[in-house]
Amino acid sequence: MSAPATDPAPVPAATLPAARPLAEPPEALAPPAVQAITRAAAAALPVPLAEVNARAELLARFDRSYLVPAATFARLAARLTDPHRPGGPFRALTIERRNAFRYHSVYYDTPDLRSFHDHRQGRRLRFKIRERVYQDTGERQFEIKLKGCRGDTVKHRRPLMGDDTPQDAPFRDFLAATLERAYGIDAPQTLYPSLGTDYVRATLVADGERMTCDAGLVCTDLRTGRAVRAREGLVLVETKGTGHLTAADRLLHAHGMRPVVLTKYCGALAALHPSLPANRWRRAARLVFTGAG
């Protein structure tokens, strides 16, 4: 069994704060990491969403996380997006001439934080549940992230339309069917909004791999309203591929970067609640978040 959490009891969903769109300050006023990813994406050749999905949708993939200083990120992004790069350049996802996008996510968990503790304990049958909002387009998705038998990440998703919420019966049924089919387990009976995340993302794409580049991360405990922010000069990079080391991984290693054990959900909870048993993410959380315990 997962260790019980000692955090405050959840508040009713009706009292939770509504998602707030991220402000878009002039580039000169944006944090250094946000400037770094927006400039890298603007300098890259564009690639439309349909082509990204055809070349590297990667709903089943291996992920690696890196914490990259903005100046280092600028150098490695320039290498990856160089039009003369052997094998072809990484290109930037571009939608309606925009190539850096605002993301808002709400993670759902049980009152005793089963998802958090299952990840902390490295359980094979673990999952994360979230609503993802693409704020620049208005698209919303209900997503379930599972751990595959090879240790890869497998994502299942359904669009949310209009007034849909992840607590509605069709999405609870989708969750139940997904967990039964993948793991042979029942879905949790009680879920509540646990954590909100906001950040800016640029996505660089090559055949069979993607590199997501996140900056300006803010994570909010939706029960208490307390928030933590990522350091302004830090880019959170994730490489995603079907095999093991990708071209982006190899270049990151050449720049002295090594993978870290971190997820936004678990790392933020570790930073927000130092009393939680979270040794797995504590070091990375201290590196990412200002004021982390």
Protein backbone atom coordinates (compact mmCIF):
# COMPACT_ATOMS: atom_id res chain seq x y z
CA MET A 1 0.00 0.00 0.00
CA SER A 2 1.05 3.56 -0.62
CA ALA A 3 2.12 5.56 2.39
CA PRO A 4 -0.65 7.88 3.57
CA ALA A 5 -0.20 11.57 2.90
CA THR A 6 -0.33 14.09 5.70
CA ASP A 7 -1.38 17.01 3.53
CA PRO A 8 -4.57 19.07 3.97
CA ALA A 9 -7.85 17.47 2.98
CA PRO A 10 -9.04 18.35 -0.54
CA VAL A 11 -11.39 21.27 -0.96
CA PRO A 12 -14.53 20.89 -3.06
CA ALA A 13 -13.86 21.25 -6.77
CA ALA A 14 -16.24 24.20 -6.99
CA THR A 15 -13.92 26.30 -4.82
CA LEU A 16 -10.80 25.62 -6.84
CA PRO A 17 -9.33 28.57 -8.72
CA ALA A 18 -10.01 28.70 -12.42
CA ALA A 19 -7.09 28.23 -14.78
CA ARG A 20 -5.39 31.56 -15.43
CA PRO A 21 -3.91 32.18 -18.88
CA LEU A 22 -0.22 32.94 -18.76
CA ALA A 23 0.68 36.53 -19.49
CA GLU A 24 2.86 37.16 -22.53
CA PRO A 25 5.40 39.83 -21.54
CA PRO A 26 7.58 41.53 -24.13
CA GLU A 27 10.50 39.23 -24.94
CA ALA A 28 13.00 41.57 -23.27
CA LEU A 29 11.08 41.19 -19.98
CA ALA A 30 10.65 37.41 -20.21
CA PRO A 31 12.82 35.17 -18.00
CA PRO A 32 16.11 34.07 -19.63
CA ALA A 33 14.92 30.48 -20.14
CA VAL A 34 11.73 31.64 -21.88
CA GLN A 35 13.80 33.90 -24.12
CA ALA A 36 16.14 31.01 -24.92
CA ILE A 37 13.42 28.61 -26.06
CA THR A 38 11.46 31.23 -28.01
CA ARG A 39 14.59 32.38 -29.85
CA ALA A 40 15.65 28.80 -30.61
CA ALA A 41 12.22 27.96 -32.02
CA ALA A 42 12.08 31.18 -34.05
CA ALA A 43 15.49 30.42 -35.58
CA ALA A 44 14.52 26.86 -36.56
CA LEU A 45 12.79 25.80 -39.74
CA PRO A 46 9.05 25.28 -39.08
CA VAL A 47 7.16 21.99 -39.09
CA PRO A 48 3.32 21.77 -38.94
CA LEU A 49 1.48 19.67 -36.36
CA ALA A 50 0.26 17.12 -38.92
CA GLU A 51 3.84 16.41 -39.95
CA VAL A 52 4.97 16.17 -36.31
CA ASN A 53 2.31 13.52 -35.72
CA ALA A 54 3.39 11.66 -38.86
CA ARG A 55 7.11 11.80 -38.06
CA ALA A 56 7.23 11.59 -34.27
CA GLU A 57 3.87 11.43 -32.47
CA LEU A 58 5.39 9.00 -29.94
CA LEU A 59 2.41 8.15 -27.76
CA ALA A 60 4.59 5.18 -26.67
CA ARG A 61 8.15 6.30 -26.03
CA PHE A 62 11.19 6.51 -23.78
CA ASP A 63 11.58 9.86 -22.00
CA ARG A 64 14.65 11.45 -20.42
CA SER A 65 14.68 14.70 -18.46
CA TYR A 66 17.49 17.25 -18.28
CA LEU A 67 17.97 20.54 -16.42
CA VAL A 68 19.77 22.82 -18.86
CA PRO A 69 21.04 26.37 -18.19
CA ALA A 70 19.62 28.82 -20.73
CA ALA A 71 23.03 29.65 -22.25
CA THR A 72 23.90 25.97 -22.71
CA PHE A 73 20.46 25.32 -24.20
CA ALA A 74 20.97 28.10 -26.75
CA ARG A 75 24.21 26.51 -27.94
CA LEU A 76 22.87 22.97 -28.27
CA ALA A 77 19.62 24.13 -29.90
CA ALA A 78 21.66 26.02 -32.50
CA ARG A 79 23.51 22.78 -33.28
CA LEU A 80 20.33 20.72 -33.56
CA THR A 81 18.48 23.22 -35.75
CA ASP A 82 21.41 24.05 -38.05
CA PRO A 83 20.09 23.63 -41.63
CA HIS A 84 23.41 21.97 -42.54
CA ARG A 85 23.28 19.41 -39.71
CA PRO A 86 24.16 15.89 -40.97
CA GLY A 87 20.93 13.93 -41.22
CA GLY A 88 18.89 17.11 -41.41
CA PRO A 89 17.94 19.76 -38.87
CA PHE A 90 15.51 19.53 -36.00
CA ARG A 91 12.53 21.74 -36.84
CA ALA A 92 10.21 23.67 -34.54
CA LEU A 93 6.53 22.78 -34.20
CA THR A 94 4.68 25.77 -35.67
CA ILE A 95 0.94 26.47 -35.59
CA GLU A 96 -0.39 29.64 -37.20
CA ARG A 97 3.12 31.14 -37.17
CA ARG A 98 3.47 30.53 -33.43
CA ASN A 99 6.30 28.25 -32.27
CA ALA A 100 6.27 28.68 -28.47
CA PHE A 101 3.07 27.67 -26.70
CA ARG A 102 1.45 28.13 -23.29
CA TYR A 103 0.44 24.92 -21.53
CA HIS A 104 -1.81 24.51 -18.49
CA SER A 105 -2.31 21.09 -16.88
CA VAL A 106 -4.37 19.87 -13.94
CA TYR A 107 -3.23 16.59 -12.36
CA TYR A 108 -5.73 14.36 -10.56
CA ASP A 109 -4.90 12.08 -7.66
CA THR A 110 -6.59 10.23 -4.80
CA PRO A 111 -6.95 11.80 -1.33
CA ASP A 112 -3.93 9.76 -0.14
CA LEU A 113 -1.87 10.67 -3.25
CA ARG A 114 -1.79 7.16 -4.67
CA SER A 115 -0.30 8.27 -8.00
CA PHE A 116 2.49 10.20 -6.27
CA HIS A 117 3.36 7.34 -3.92
CA ASP A 118 3.19 4.67 -6.63
CA HIS A 119 5.76 6.67 -8.61
CA ARG A 120 7.85 7.25 -5.49
CA GLN A 121 7.98 3.51 -4.81
CA GLY A 122 8.71 2.67 -8.45
CA ARG A 123 5.63 0.47 -8.81
CA ARG A 124 5.30 -1.02 -12.26
CA LEU A 125 1.51 -0.55 -12.39
CA ARG A 126 1.59 3.21 -11.97
CA PHE A 127 -0.25 5.96 -13.75
CA LYS A 128 -0.78 9.71 -13.92
CA ILE A 129 -4.07 11.39 -14.82
CA ARG A 130 -4.34 14.94 -16.08
CA GLU A 131 -6.26 17.47 -18.10
CA ARG A 132 -4.02 19.33 -20.52
CA VAL A 133 -5.02 22.70 -21.95
CA TYR A 134 -3.24 24.13 -24.99
CA GLN A 135 -3.96 27.73 -24.13
CA ASP A 136 -3.08 29.27 -27.46
CA THR A 137 -5.54 27.09 -29.39
CA GLY A 138 -8.10 26.24 -26.69
CA GLU A 139 -7.68 22.49 -27.25
CA ARG A 140 -8.17 20.34 -24.15
CA GLN A 141 -7.24 16.70 -23.66
CA PHE A 142 -7.88 14.13 -20.94
CA GLU A 143 -4.69 12.10 -20.66
CA ILE A 144 -3.66 8.91 -18.88
CA LYS A 145 0.07 8.15 -18.74
CA LEU A 146 1.07 4.54 -18.05
CA LYS A 147 4.35 2.69 -17.71
CA GLY A 148 4.80 0.07 -20.43
CA CYS A 149 6.31 -3.38 -19.97
CA ARG A 150 9.63 -2.17 -21.46
CA GLY A 151 9.80 0.78 -19.07
CA ASP A 152 8.52 3.15 -21.75
CA THR A 153 5.80 5.76 -21.27
CA VAL A 154 2.45 5.04 -22.94
CA LYS A 155 -0.07 7.85 -23.26
CA HIS A 156 -3.82 7.43 -23.80
CA ARG A 157 -5.92 10.51 -24.50
CA ARG A 158 -9.40 11.72 -25.31
CA PRO A 159 -10.45 15.26 -26.29
CA LEU A 160 -12.45 17.35 -23.82
CA MET A 161 -15.12 19.48 -25.49
CA GLY A 162 -17.19 22.40 -24.22
CA ASP A 163 -18.06 21.94 -20.55
CA ASP A 164 -16.55 18.43 -20.33
CA THR A 165 -14.50 17.66 -17.22
CA PRO A 166 -12.33 14.63 -16.42
CA GLN A 167 -14.80 13.78 -13.63
CA ASP A 168 -17.65 13.22 -16.12
CA ALA A 169 -18.87 9.65 -16.61
CA PRO A 170 -17.50 9.10 -20.15
CA PHE A 171 -13.98 9.99 -19.01
CA ARG A 172 -14.22 7.97 -15.81
CA ASP A 173 -15.33 5.05 -17.99
CA PHE A 174 -12.38 5.66 -20.33
CA LEU A 175 -10.02 5.66 -17.33
CA ALA A 176 -11.54 2.45 -15.96
CA ALA A 177 -11.31 0.69 -19.32
CA THR A 178 -7.72 1.84 -19.88
CA LEU A 179 -6.48 0.66 -16.47
CA GLU A 180 -8.35 -2.64 -16.75
CA ARG A 181 -6.98 -3.33 -20.23
CA ALA A 182 -3.39 -2.28 -19.48
CA TYR A 183 -2.95 -3.40 -15.88
CA GLY A 184 -5.99 -5.49 -14.90
CA ILE A 185 -6.74 -3.11 -12.01
CA ASP A 186 -9.72 -1.01 -10.99
CA ALA A 187 -9.70 2.75 -11.38
CA PRO A 188 -9.65 4.86 -8.19
CA GLN A 189 -13.13 5.66 -6.91
CA THR A 190 -12.22 9.15 -5.73
CA LEU A 191 -10.09 11.63 -7.64
CA TYR A 192 -9.63 15.33 -7.10
CA PRO A 193 -7.58 18.12 -8.71
CA SER A 194 -4.21 17.94 -6.98
CA LEU A 195 -1.72 20.14 -8.85
CA GLY A 196 -1.82 22.78 -11.58
CA THR A 197 1.14 23.51 -13.85
CA ASP A 198 1.75 26.40 -16.24
CA TYR A 199 4.72 26.87 -18.55
CA VAL A 200 5.87 27.83 -22.04
CA ARG A 201 6.95 25.04 -24.41
CA ALA A 202 8.81 24.84 -27.69
CA THR A 203 9.09 21.47 -29.43
CA LEU A 204 11.95 20.52 -31.74
CA VAL A 205 11.33 17.55 -34.02
CA ALA A 206 13.35 15.15 -36.15
CA ASP A 207 12.41 11.79 -37.65
CA GLY A 208 11.41 9.44 -34.82
CA GLU A 209 12.31 11.79 -31.97
CA ARG A 210 11.21 14.98 -30.28
CA MET A 211 12.74 17.32 -27.76
CA THR A 212 10.36 19.40 -25.63
CA CYS A 213 11.81 22.55 -24.11
CA ASP A 214 9.89 24.05 -21.16
CA ALA A 215 10.50 27.32 -19.32
CA GLY A 216 8.72 29.61 -16.90
CA LEU A 217 7.25 26.66 -14.98
CA VAL A 218 4.83 27.51 -12.14
CA CYS A 219 3.25 24.69 -10.09
CA THR A 220 0.29 25.33 -7.80
CA ASP A 221 -1.15 23.09 -5.09
CA LEU A 222 -4.86 23.22 -5.91
CA ARG A 223 -5.83 22.40 -2.33
CA THR A 224 -3.85 25.16 -0.61
CA GLY A 225 -3.11 27.67 -3.39
CA ARG A 226 0.61 27.59 -2.59
CA ALA A 227 2.90 27.77 -5.63
CA VAL A 228 6.54 27.17 -6.53
CA ARG A 229 8.40 28.54 -9.55
CA ALA A 230 11.24 27.09 -11.57
CA ARG A 231 14.47 29.06 -11.68
CA GLU A 232 14.32 31.72 -14.39
CA GLY A 233 17.52 30.59 -16.12
CA LEU A 234 16.66 26.89 -16.34
CA VAL A 235 15.19 25.05 -19.33
CA LEU A 236 13.49 21.73 -18.58
CA VAL A 237 14.31 19.51 -21.55
CA GLU A 238 12.74 16.13 -22.26
CA THR A 239 13.91 13.87 -25.05
CA LYS A 240 11.37 11.44 -26.46
CA GLY A 241 12.18 8.55 -28.75
CA THR A 242 11.25 4.97 -29.52
CA GLY A 243 14.66 3.57 -28.66
CA HIS A 244 17.26 4.46 -26.11
CA LEU A 245 19.74 7.30 -26.73
CA THR A 246 18.50 9.80 -29.31
CA ALA A 247 20.55 12.32 -31.28
CA ALA A 248 19.40 14.99 -28.82
CA ASP A 249 20.52 12.84 -25.86
CA ARG A 250 23.98 12.44 -27.36
CA LEU A 251 24.36 16.17 -27.94
CA LEU A 252 23.14 16.95 -24.42
CA HIS A 253 25.74 14.53 -23.06
CA ALA A 254 28.41 16.23 -25.18
CA HIS A 255 27.47 19.51 -23.47
CA GLY A 256 27.93 17.94 -20.03
CA MET A 257 24.23 17.39 -19.34
CA ARG A 258 23.06 14.17 -17.70
CA PRO A 259 19.50 12.87 -17.19
CA VAL A 260 17.79 13.57 -13.88
CA VAL A 261 14.98 11.74 -12.09
CA LEU A 262 12.14 14.24 -12.24
CA THR A 263 8.52 14.62 -13.25
CA LYS A 264 6.69 17.92 -12.97
CA TYR A 265 3.95 16.39 -10.83
CA CYS A 266 6.11 14.52 -8.35
CA GLY A 267 8.92 17.07 -8.24
CA ALA A 268 6.50 19.92 -7.57
CA LEU A 269 4.75 18.03 -4.76
CA ALA A 270 8.16 17.28 -3.23
CA ALA A 271 8.98 21.00 -3.34
CA LEU A 272 5.58 22.11 -2.04
CA HIS A 273 5.45 19.55 0.79
CA PRO A 274 8.88 18.83 2.30
CA SER A 275 7.21 16.46 4.79
CA LEU A 276 6.28 14.03 2.01
CA PRO A 277 8.66 11.07 1.61
CA ALA A 278 10.21 12.05 -1.72
CA ASN A 279 13.93 11.29 -1.67
CA ARG A 280 13.61 10.09 -5.27
CA TRP A 281 13.01 13.66 -6.50
CA ARG A 282 14.31 15.85 -3.68
CA ARG A 283 17.67 16.72 -5.20
CA ALA A 284 16.24 17.58 -8.62
CA ALA A 285 13.40 19.57 -7.03
CA ARG A 286 15.94 21.70 -5.16
CA LEU A 287 17.76 22.37 -8.42
CA VAL A 288 14.57 23.29 -10.28
CA PHE A 289 12.41 25.25 -7.86
CA THR A 290 13.27 28.40 -5.96
CA GLY A 291 12.57 27.97 -2.25
CA ALA A 292 12.21 24.17 -2.52
CA GLY A 293 12.57 22.27 0.77
